[in-house]
Amino acid sequence: MIAGKEINDFVNAYCRLRDRQYAVYVRCAKMHGLTVNELFVLDILWFATEGCTQKEISERLSANKQTVNAIVTRFDKQGFISFAEVKEDRRNKRIVLTDSGKAYAKNIIPPAADAENLAMADMPLEKVAELVKLTTVFTENMERRFAGIKEK
């Protein structure tokens, strides 16, 4: 295990990179008059061909229900989404993009997804696999370590 200042320098460098990546999404969202959370919800709905529930969106984004509800309400008012009953649980509704929502999202989400794919494709495949593997390990370590923090 690396100790002290050296590990802290690596953590800070990683956090700066993570923040730069997040800023790319913020700029993309702003280009389209969206917040970054609206962009992320639109992305989830674009790729969820069968739709998804507000709870699933909240869990995926680690966002509170109020935030997701406000976005869903906005998209509903714009006619971008519709709701379908969940047969197993009638209290929940699956959210799906309408034709209008798909027409809107097609100029935002596929180009962004293509940019992500091209950015990763610019690296050798073994480096991509290593990046995913190491990020997975780091994420799992963070989940484990943060779970050990006691509330005050």
N, C-alpha and C. Protein backbone atom coordinates (compact mmCIF):
# COMPACT_ATOMS: atom_id res chain seq x y z
N MET A 1 0.85 -1.18 0.00
CA MET A 1 0.00 0.00 0.00
C MET A 1 0.89 1.25 0.00
N ILE A 2 0.57 2.20 -0.86
CA ILE A 2 1.31 3.46 -0.93
C ILE A 2 0.85 4.32 0.24
N ALA A 3 1.78 5.08 0.81
CA ALA A 3 1.43 5.85 2.00
C ALA A 3 1.60 7.35 1.81
N GLY A 4 0.93 8.09 2.67
CA GLY A 4 1.16 9.51 2.88
C GLY A 4 0.97 10.42 1.69
N LYS A 5 1.94 11.33 1.53
CA LYS A 5 1.86 12.39 0.52
C LYS A 5 1.77 11.82 -0.89
N GLU A 6 2.49 10.76 -1.17
CA GLU A 6 2.49 10.18 -2.52
C GLU A 6 1.07 9.74 -2.93
N ILE A 7 0.39 9.04 -2.04
CA ILE A 7 -0.96 8.59 -2.38
C ILE A 7 -1.90 9.78 -2.47
N ASN A 8 -1.73 10.77 -1.61
CA ASN A 8 -2.58 11.96 -1.65
C ASN A 8 -2.40 12.70 -2.98
N ASP A 9 -1.18 12.76 -3.49
CA ASP A 9 -0.93 13.39 -4.79
C ASP A 9 -1.67 12.64 -5.91
N PHE A 10 -1.65 11.32 -5.85
CA PHE A 10 -2.37 10.53 -6.85
C PHE A 10 -3.88 10.74 -6.75
N VAL A 11 -4.39 10.77 -5.53
CA VAL A 11 -5.83 11.00 -5.33
C VAL A 11 -6.22 12.36 -5.91
N ASN A 12 -5.42 13.38 -5.62
CA ASN A 12 -5.72 14.72 -6.13
C ASN A 12 -5.66 14.76 -7.66
N ALA A 13 -4.68 14.09 -8.25
CA ALA A 13 -4.57 14.06 -9.71
C ALA A 13 -5.78 13.34 -10.31
N TYR A 14 -6.18 12.23 -9.70
CA TYR A 14 -7.34 11.49 -10.18
C TYR A 14 -8.60 12.35 -10.07
N CYS A 15 -8.76 13.03 -8.97
CA CYS A 15 -9.95 13.86 -8.76
C CYS A 15 -10.00 15.01 -9.77
N ARG A 16 -8.86 15.60 -10.09
CA ARG A 16 -8.83 16.65 -11.11
C ARG A 16 -9.26 16.10 -12.47
N LEU A 17 -8.82 14.91 -12.80
CA LEU A 17 -9.23 14.28 -14.06
C LEU A 17 -10.72 13.96 -14.07
N ARG A 18 -11.21 13.43 -12.97
CA ARG A 18 -12.65 13.14 -12.85
C ARG A 18 -13.47 14.42 -13.02
N ASP A 19 -12.99 15.50 -12.41
CA ASP A 19 -13.68 16.79 -12.53
C ASP A 19 -13.65 17.32 -13.96
N ARG A 20 -12.53 17.12 -14.66
CA ARG A 20 -12.46 17.53 -16.07
C ARG A 20 -13.43 16.73 -16.92
N GLN A 21 -13.55 15.43 -16.65
CA GLN A 21 -14.50 14.60 -17.40
C GLN A 21 -15.92 15.10 -17.15
N TYR A 22 -16.25 15.36 -15.89
CA TYR A 22 -17.59 15.85 -15.55
C TYR A 22 -17.86 17.19 -16.25
N ALA A 23 -16.86 18.05 -16.31
CA ALA A 23 -17.01 19.35 -16.97
C ALA A 23 -17.32 19.19 -18.45
N VAL A 24 -16.81 18.15 -19.09
CA VAL A 24 -17.14 17.87 -20.50
C VAL A 24 -18.64 17.64 -20.64
N TYR A 25 -19.22 16.86 -19.72
CA TYR A 25 -20.66 16.61 -19.76
C TYR A 25 -21.46 17.88 -19.46
N VAL A 26 -20.97 18.70 -18.53
CA VAL A 26 -21.64 19.96 -18.21
C VAL A 26 -21.67 20.85 -19.45
N ARG A 27 -20.55 20.96 -20.15
CA ARG A 27 -20.51 21.79 -21.37
C ARG A 27 -21.44 21.24 -22.45
N CYS A 28 -21.47 19.94 -22.61
CA CYS A 28 -22.37 19.30 -23.58
C CYS A 28 -23.82 19.63 -23.24
N ALA A 29 -24.17 19.50 -21.97
CA ALA A 29 -25.54 19.79 -21.54
C ALA A 29 -25.89 21.25 -21.83
N LYS A 30 -25.00 22.16 -21.47
CA LYS A 30 -25.26 23.60 -21.67
C LYS A 30 -25.45 23.94 -23.14
N MET A 31 -24.71 23.27 -24.01
CA MET A 31 -24.85 23.51 -25.46
C MET A 31 -26.28 23.26 -25.92
N HIS A 32 -26.99 22.40 -25.21
CA HIS A 32 -28.34 22.02 -25.60
C HIS A 32 -29.40 22.58 -24.65
N GLY A 33 -29.00 23.51 -23.79
CA GLY A 33 -29.94 24.13 -22.88
C GLY A 33 -30.42 23.20 -21.77
N LEU A 34 -29.58 22.24 -21.42
CA LEU A 34 -29.91 21.26 -20.39
C LEU A 34 -28.99 21.41 -19.19
N THR A 35 -29.43 20.92 -18.05
CA THR A 35 -28.52 20.74 -16.93
C THR A 35 -27.81 19.40 -17.14
N VAL A 36 -26.74 19.19 -16.43
CA VAL A 36 -26.03 17.93 -16.60
C VAL A 36 -26.90 16.75 -16.16
N ASN A 37 -27.71 16.92 -15.12
CA ASN A 37 -28.60 15.83 -14.70
C ASN A 37 -29.67 15.56 -15.75
N GLU A 38 -30.18 16.60 -16.41
CA GLU A 38 -31.14 16.38 -17.49
C GLU A 38 -30.48 15.61 -18.63
N LEU A 39 -29.24 15.96 -18.94
CA LEU A 39 -28.50 15.23 -19.98
C LEU A 39 -28.38 13.75 -19.61
N PHE A 40 -28.02 13.48 -18.36
CA PHE A 40 -27.85 12.10 -17.93
C PHE A 40 -29.17 11.33 -17.95
N VAL A 41 -30.27 11.97 -17.56
CA VAL A 41 -31.57 11.31 -17.61
C VAL A 41 -31.95 11.02 -19.06
N LEU A 42 -31.74 12.00 -19.93
CA LEU A 42 -32.04 11.81 -21.35
C LEU A 42 -31.22 10.64 -21.91
N ASP A 43 -29.97 10.55 -21.52
CA ASP A 43 -29.09 9.46 -21.94
C ASP A 43 -29.64 8.11 -21.46
N ILE A 44 -30.03 8.04 -20.21
CA ILE A 44 -30.57 6.79 -19.66
C ILE A 44 -31.82 6.38 -20.44
N LEU A 45 -32.71 7.35 -20.68
CA LEU A 45 -33.94 7.03 -21.39
C LEU A 45 -33.69 6.64 -22.84
N TRP A 46 -32.71 7.27 -23.47
CA TRP A 46 -32.38 6.95 -24.86
C TRP A 46 -31.98 5.48 -25.00
N PHE A 47 -31.15 5.02 -24.08
CA PHE A 47 -30.63 3.65 -24.17
C PHE A 47 -31.53 2.61 -23.50
N ALA A 48 -32.52 3.06 -22.73
CA ALA A 48 -33.46 2.13 -22.08
C ALA A 48 -34.66 1.98 -23.00
N THR A 49 -34.54 1.14 -24.00
CA THR A 49 -35.57 1.02 -25.03
C THR A 49 -36.92 0.57 -24.45
N GLU A 50 -36.90 -0.15 -23.35
CA GLU A 50 -38.13 -0.58 -22.69
C GLU A 50 -38.57 0.42 -21.63
N GLY A 51 -37.82 1.51 -21.49
CA GLY A 51 -38.12 2.51 -20.48
C GLY A 51 -37.55 2.12 -19.13
N CYS A 52 -37.73 2.99 -18.16
CA CYS A 52 -37.26 2.72 -16.81
C CYS A 52 -38.08 3.56 -15.83
N THR A 53 -38.00 3.20 -14.57
CA THR A 53 -38.75 3.91 -13.55
C THR A 53 -37.91 5.06 -12.99
N GLN A 54 -38.59 5.97 -12.30
CA GLN A 54 -37.87 7.06 -11.64
C GLN A 54 -36.89 6.50 -10.62
N LYS A 55 -37.29 5.45 -9.93
CA LYS A 55 -36.40 4.83 -8.94
C LYS A 55 -35.12 4.31 -9.60
N GLU A 56 -35.26 3.66 -10.75
CA GLU A 56 -34.08 3.15 -11.46
C GLU A 56 -33.17 4.30 -11.90
N ILE A 57 -33.77 5.39 -12.35
CA ILE A 57 -32.96 6.56 -12.74
C ILE A 57 -32.25 7.13 -11.52
N SER A 58 -32.97 7.28 -10.41
CA SER A 58 -32.37 7.80 -9.18
C SER A 58 -31.19 6.96 -8.73
N GLU A 59 -31.38 5.65 -8.76
CA GLU A 59 -30.30 4.74 -8.34
C GLU A 59 -29.10 4.84 -9.27
N ARG A 60 -29.35 4.88 -10.55
CA ARG A 60 -28.26 4.94 -11.52
C ARG A 60 -27.45 6.22 -11.37
N LEU A 61 -28.13 7.34 -11.12
CA LEU A 61 -27.45 8.63 -11.01
C LEU A 61 -27.04 8.97 -9.59
N SER A 62 -27.46 8.16 -8.63
CA SER A 62 -27.28 8.51 -7.22
C SER A 62 -27.87 9.89 -6.95
N ALA A 63 -29.01 10.14 -7.54
CA ALA A 63 -29.71 11.41 -7.38
C ALA A 63 -30.95 11.19 -6.53
N ASN A 64 -31.35 12.22 -5.79
CA ASN A 64 -32.54 12.06 -4.97
C ASN A 64 -33.79 12.06 -5.84
N LYS A 65 -34.86 11.55 -5.27
CA LYS A 65 -36.12 11.38 -6.01
C LYS A 65 -36.68 12.73 -6.47
N GLN A 66 -36.49 13.77 -5.67
CA GLN A 66 -37.01 15.09 -6.03
C GLN A 66 -36.34 15.63 -7.29
N THR A 67 -35.04 15.45 -7.38
CA THR A 67 -34.29 15.91 -8.56
C THR A 67 -34.79 15.20 -9.81
N VAL A 68 -34.89 13.89 -9.73
CA VAL A 68 -35.34 13.10 -10.88
C VAL A 68 -36.79 13.45 -11.22
N ASN A 69 -37.63 13.62 -10.19
CA ASN A 69 -39.02 13.96 -10.44
C ASN A 69 -39.14 15.31 -11.16
N ALA A 70 -38.33 16.28 -10.77
CA ALA A 70 -38.37 17.60 -11.42
C ALA A 70 -37.98 17.48 -12.90
N ILE A 71 -36.99 16.67 -13.19
CA ILE A 71 -36.56 16.48 -14.58
C ILE A 71 -37.64 15.76 -15.37
N VAL A 72 -38.19 14.70 -14.79
CA VAL A 72 -39.25 13.94 -15.46
C VAL A 72 -40.46 14.84 -15.71
N THR A 73 -40.81 15.66 -14.74
CA THR A 73 -41.94 16.58 -14.90
C THR A 73 -41.68 17.55 -16.04
N ARG A 74 -40.46 18.08 -16.13
CA ARG A 74 -40.12 19.00 -17.22
C ARG A 74 -40.21 18.29 -18.57
N PHE A 75 -39.64 17.10 -18.66
CA PHE A 75 -39.68 16.35 -19.92
C PHE A 75 -41.12 15.98 -20.30
N ASP A 76 -41.95 15.69 -19.29
CA ASP A 76 -43.35 15.37 -19.55
C ASP A 76 -44.08 16.59 -20.12
N LYS A 77 -43.86 17.75 -19.52
CA LYS A 77 -44.50 18.99 -20.00
C LYS A 77 -44.07 19.33 -21.43
N GLN A 78 -42.85 18.94 -21.79
CA GLN A 78 -42.35 19.20 -23.14
C GLN A 78 -42.81 18.13 -24.13
N GLY A 79 -43.47 17.10 -23.63
CA GLY A 79 -43.96 16.03 -24.49
C GLY A 79 -42.88 15.04 -24.90
N PHE A 80 -41.77 15.01 -24.17
CA PHE A 80 -40.65 14.14 -24.52
C PHE A 80 -40.79 12.73 -23.98
N ILE A 81 -41.66 12.54 -22.97
CA ILE A 81 -41.79 11.22 -22.35
C ILE A 81 -43.26 10.86 -22.20
N SER A 82 -43.49 9.57 -22.02
CA SER A 82 -44.81 9.08 -21.65
C SER A 82 -44.60 8.03 -20.56
N PHE A 83 -45.68 7.64 -19.94
CA PHE A 83 -45.63 6.70 -18.83
C PHE A 83 -46.41 5.45 -19.18
N ALA A 84 -45.86 4.32 -18.79
CA ALA A 84 -46.52 3.03 -18.99
C ALA A 84 -46.56 2.30 -17.66
N GLU A 85 -47.66 1.61 -17.40
CA GLU A 85 -47.80 0.86 -16.15
C GLU A 85 -46.80 -0.28 -16.09
N VAL A 86 -46.29 -0.52 -14.89
CA VAL A 86 -45.46 -1.68 -14.63
C VAL A 86 -46.39 -2.78 -14.14
N LYS A 87 -46.50 -3.85 -14.89
CA LYS A 87 -47.46 -4.90 -14.57
C LYS A 87 -47.22 -5.50 -13.19
N GLU A 88 -45.95 -5.65 -12.82
CA GLU A 88 -45.60 -6.27 -11.54
C GLU A 88 -45.87 -5.34 -10.36
N ASP A 89 -45.89 -4.03 -10.60
CA ASP A 89 -46.05 -3.05 -9.51
C ASP A 89 -46.76 -1.83 -10.07
N ARG A 90 -48.05 -1.81 -9.94
CA ARG A 90 -48.86 -0.75 -10.54
C ARG A 90 -48.60 0.63 -9.94
N ARG A 91 -47.90 0.69 -8.81
CA ARG A 91 -47.58 2.00 -8.22
C ARG A 91 -46.49 2.69 -9.02
N ASN A 92 -45.68 1.93 -9.70
CA ASN A 92 -44.59 2.49 -10.50
C ASN A 92 -44.99 2.60 -11.96
N LYS A 93 -44.40 3.55 -12.62
CA LYS A 93 -44.63 3.75 -14.05
C LYS A 93 -43.27 3.72 -14.75
N ARG A 94 -43.25 3.06 -15.91
CA ARG A 94 -42.04 3.07 -16.75
C ARG A 94 -42.09 4.34 -17.58
N ILE A 95 -40.97 4.98 -17.66
CA ILE A 95 -40.85 6.21 -18.43
C ILE A 95 -40.19 5.86 -19.75
N VAL A 96 -40.82 6.27 -20.83
CA VAL A 96 -40.27 6.01 -22.17
C VAL A 96 -40.28 7.31 -22.97
N LEU A 97 -39.32 7.43 -23.85
CA LEU A 97 -39.29 8.59 -24.73
C LEU A 97 -40.41 8.48 -25.75
N THR A 98 -41.09 9.58 -25.99
CA THR A 98 -42.09 9.66 -27.05
C THR A 98 -41.35 9.87 -28.38
N ASP A 99 -42.07 9.84 -29.48
CA ASP A 99 -41.46 10.14 -30.77
C ASP A 99 -40.83 11.53 -30.75
N SER A 100 -41.51 12.47 -30.12
CA SER A 100 -40.98 13.84 -29.99
C SER A 100 -39.71 13.85 -29.15
N GLY A 101 -39.70 13.07 -28.07
CA GLY A 101 -38.52 12.96 -27.22
C GLY A 101 -37.35 12.32 -27.95
N LYS A 102 -37.65 11.30 -28.75
CA LYS A 102 -36.59 10.65 -29.54
C LYS A 102 -36.03 11.60 -30.58
N ALA A 103 -36.90 12.38 -31.21
CA ALA A 103 -36.45 13.35 -32.22
C ALA A 103 -35.56 14.40 -31.57
N TYR A 104 -35.92 14.83 -30.37
CA TYR A 104 -35.12 15.81 -29.63
C TYR A 104 -33.78 15.19 -29.22
N ALA A 105 -33.83 14.01 -28.63
CA ALA A 105 -32.63 13.38 -28.08
C ALA A 105 -31.65 12.92 -29.14
N LYS A 106 -32.14 12.62 -30.35
CA LYS A 106 -31.25 12.04 -31.38
C LYS A 106 -30.15 13.01 -31.80
N ASN A 107 -30.35 14.30 -31.59
CA ASN A 107 -29.32 15.28 -31.93
C ASN A 107 -28.39 15.57 -30.76
N ILE A 108 -28.65 14.92 -29.63
CA ILE A 108 -27.85 15.16 -28.43
C ILE A 108 -27.12 13.89 -27.99
N ILE A 109 -27.89 12.83 -27.77
CA ILE A 109 -27.31 11.63 -27.15
C ILE A 109 -26.42 10.82 -28.09
N PRO A 110 -26.85 10.47 -29.31
CA PRO A 110 -25.93 9.71 -30.17
C PRO A 110 -24.60 10.43 -30.45
N PRO A 111 -24.60 11.76 -30.73
CA PRO A 111 -23.30 12.40 -30.92
C PRO A 111 -22.42 12.35 -29.66
N ALA A 112 -23.04 12.50 -28.49
CA ALA A 112 -22.27 12.43 -27.24
C ALA A 112 -21.73 11.01 -27.03
N ALA A 113 -22.58 10.01 -27.28
CA ALA A 113 -22.14 8.62 -27.13
C ALA A 113 -21.03 8.29 -28.13
N ASP A 114 -21.16 8.82 -29.35
CA ASP A 114 -20.10 8.62 -30.34
C ASP A 114 -18.79 9.25 -29.88
N ALA A 115 -18.87 10.45 -29.30
CA ALA A 115 -17.66 11.12 -28.80
C ALA A 115 -17.01 10.30 -27.69
N GLU A 116 -17.82 9.76 -26.78
CA GLU A 116 -17.28 8.89 -25.73
C GLU A 116 -16.59 7.67 -26.34
N ASN A 117 -17.27 7.02 -27.28
CA ASN A 117 -16.71 5.82 -27.92
C ASN A 117 -15.42 6.14 -28.66
N LEU A 118 -15.40 7.26 -29.39
CA LEU A 118 -14.19 7.64 -30.13
C LEU A 118 -13.05 7.99 -29.18
N ALA A 119 -13.37 8.66 -28.07
CA ALA A 119 -12.33 9.00 -27.10
C ALA A 119 -11.68 7.74 -26.54
N MET A 120 -12.50 6.73 -26.29
CA MET A 120 -11.95 5.48 -25.78
C MET A 120 -11.25 4.71 -26.89
N ALA A 121 -11.79 4.76 -28.10
CA ALA A 121 -11.19 4.04 -29.23
C ALA A 121 -9.83 4.63 -29.63
N ASP A 122 -9.55 5.85 -29.19
CA ASP A 122 -8.25 6.46 -29.46
C ASP A 122 -7.13 5.78 -28.69
N MET A 123 -7.50 4.91 -27.74
CA MET A 123 -6.50 4.19 -26.95
C MET A 123 -6.41 2.76 -27.44
N PRO A 124 -5.24 2.13 -27.25
CA PRO A 124 -5.14 0.70 -27.58
C PRO A 124 -6.11 -0.12 -26.73
N LEU A 125 -6.64 -1.19 -27.32
CA LEU A 125 -7.64 -2.01 -26.65
C LEU A 125 -7.17 -2.50 -25.29
N GLU A 126 -5.92 -2.90 -25.17
CA GLU A 126 -5.44 -3.40 -23.88
C GLU A 126 -5.43 -2.29 -22.83
N LYS A 127 -5.22 -1.05 -23.23
CA LYS A 127 -5.27 0.08 -22.30
C LYS A 127 -6.71 0.37 -21.88
N VAL A 128 -7.64 0.21 -22.82
CA VAL A 128 -9.06 0.39 -22.50
C VAL A 128 -9.48 -0.65 -21.47
N ALA A 129 -9.12 -1.89 -21.70
CA ALA A 129 -9.46 -2.96 -20.76
C ALA A 129 -8.83 -2.69 -19.40
N GLU A 130 -7.59 -2.22 -19.39
CA GLU A 130 -6.90 -1.91 -18.14
C GLU A 130 -7.60 -0.75 -17.42
N LEU A 131 -8.00 0.28 -18.17
CA LEU A 131 -8.70 1.42 -17.59
C LEU A 131 -9.99 0.97 -16.91
N VAL A 132 -10.77 0.16 -17.60
CA VAL A 132 -12.04 -0.32 -17.03
C VAL A 132 -11.76 -1.19 -15.81
N LYS A 133 -10.79 -2.06 -15.91
CA LYS A 133 -10.47 -2.95 -14.79
C LYS A 133 -10.02 -2.15 -13.56
N LEU A 134 -9.10 -1.22 -13.75
CA LEU A 134 -8.59 -0.44 -12.63
C LEU A 134 -9.65 0.50 -12.05
N THR A 135 -10.48 1.06 -12.91
CA THR A 135 -11.55 1.93 -12.43
C THR A 135 -12.57 1.12 -11.62
N THR A 136 -12.82 -0.11 -12.06
CA THR A 136 -13.72 -0.99 -11.31
C THR A 136 -13.16 -1.28 -9.94
N VAL A 137 -11.89 -1.63 -9.87
CA VAL A 137 -11.26 -1.94 -8.58
C VAL A 137 -11.29 -0.71 -7.68
N PHE A 138 -10.94 0.46 -8.21
CA PHE A 138 -10.93 1.68 -7.42
C PHE A 138 -12.34 2.01 -6.92
N THR A 139 -13.34 1.86 -7.78
CA THR A 139 -14.72 2.15 -7.40
C THR A 139 -15.18 1.21 -6.29
N GLU A 140 -14.87 -0.06 -6.43
CA GLU A 140 -15.25 -1.03 -5.39
C GLU A 140 -14.53 -0.74 -4.08
N ASN A 141 -13.25 -0.35 -4.15
CA ASN A 141 -12.52 0.03 -2.95
C ASN A 141 -13.15 1.25 -2.29
N MET A 142 -13.54 2.23 -3.10
CA MET A 142 -14.18 3.43 -2.55
C MET A 142 -15.50 3.08 -1.87
N GLU A 143 -16.31 2.25 -2.54
CA GLU A 143 -17.59 1.85 -1.94
C GLU A 143 -17.36 1.17 -0.59
N ARG A 144 -16.38 0.30 -0.54
CA ARG A 144 -16.09 -0.43 0.70
C ARG A 144 -15.58 0.52 1.79
N ARG A 145 -14.63 1.40 1.43
CA ARG A 145 -14.04 2.32 2.41
C ARG A 145 -15.04 3.36 2.89
N PHE A 146 -15.83 3.90 1.97
CA PHE A 146 -16.81 4.93 2.37
C PHE A 146 -17.93 4.30 3.20
N ALA A 147 -18.24 3.01 2.97
CA ALA A 147 -19.25 2.34 3.77
C ALA A 147 -18.81 2.22 5.23
N GLY A 148 -17.51 2.27 5.45
CA GLY A 148 -16.97 2.16 6.80
C GLY A 148 -16.95 3.48 7.57
N ILE A 149 -17.33 4.57 6.94
CA ILE A 149 -17.35 5.87 7.62
C ILE A 149 -18.61 5.95 8.46
N LYS A 150 -18.43 6.30 9.71
CA LYS A 150 -19.55 6.40 10.66
C LYS A 150 -20.16 7.79 10.61
N GLU A 151 -21.49 7.84 10.72
CA GLU A 151 -22.19 9.12 10.77
C GLU A 151 -21.93 9.80 12.10
N LYS A 152 -21.97 11.12 12.07
CA LYS A 152 -21.79 11.87 13.33
C LYS A 152 -23.12 12.14 13.97
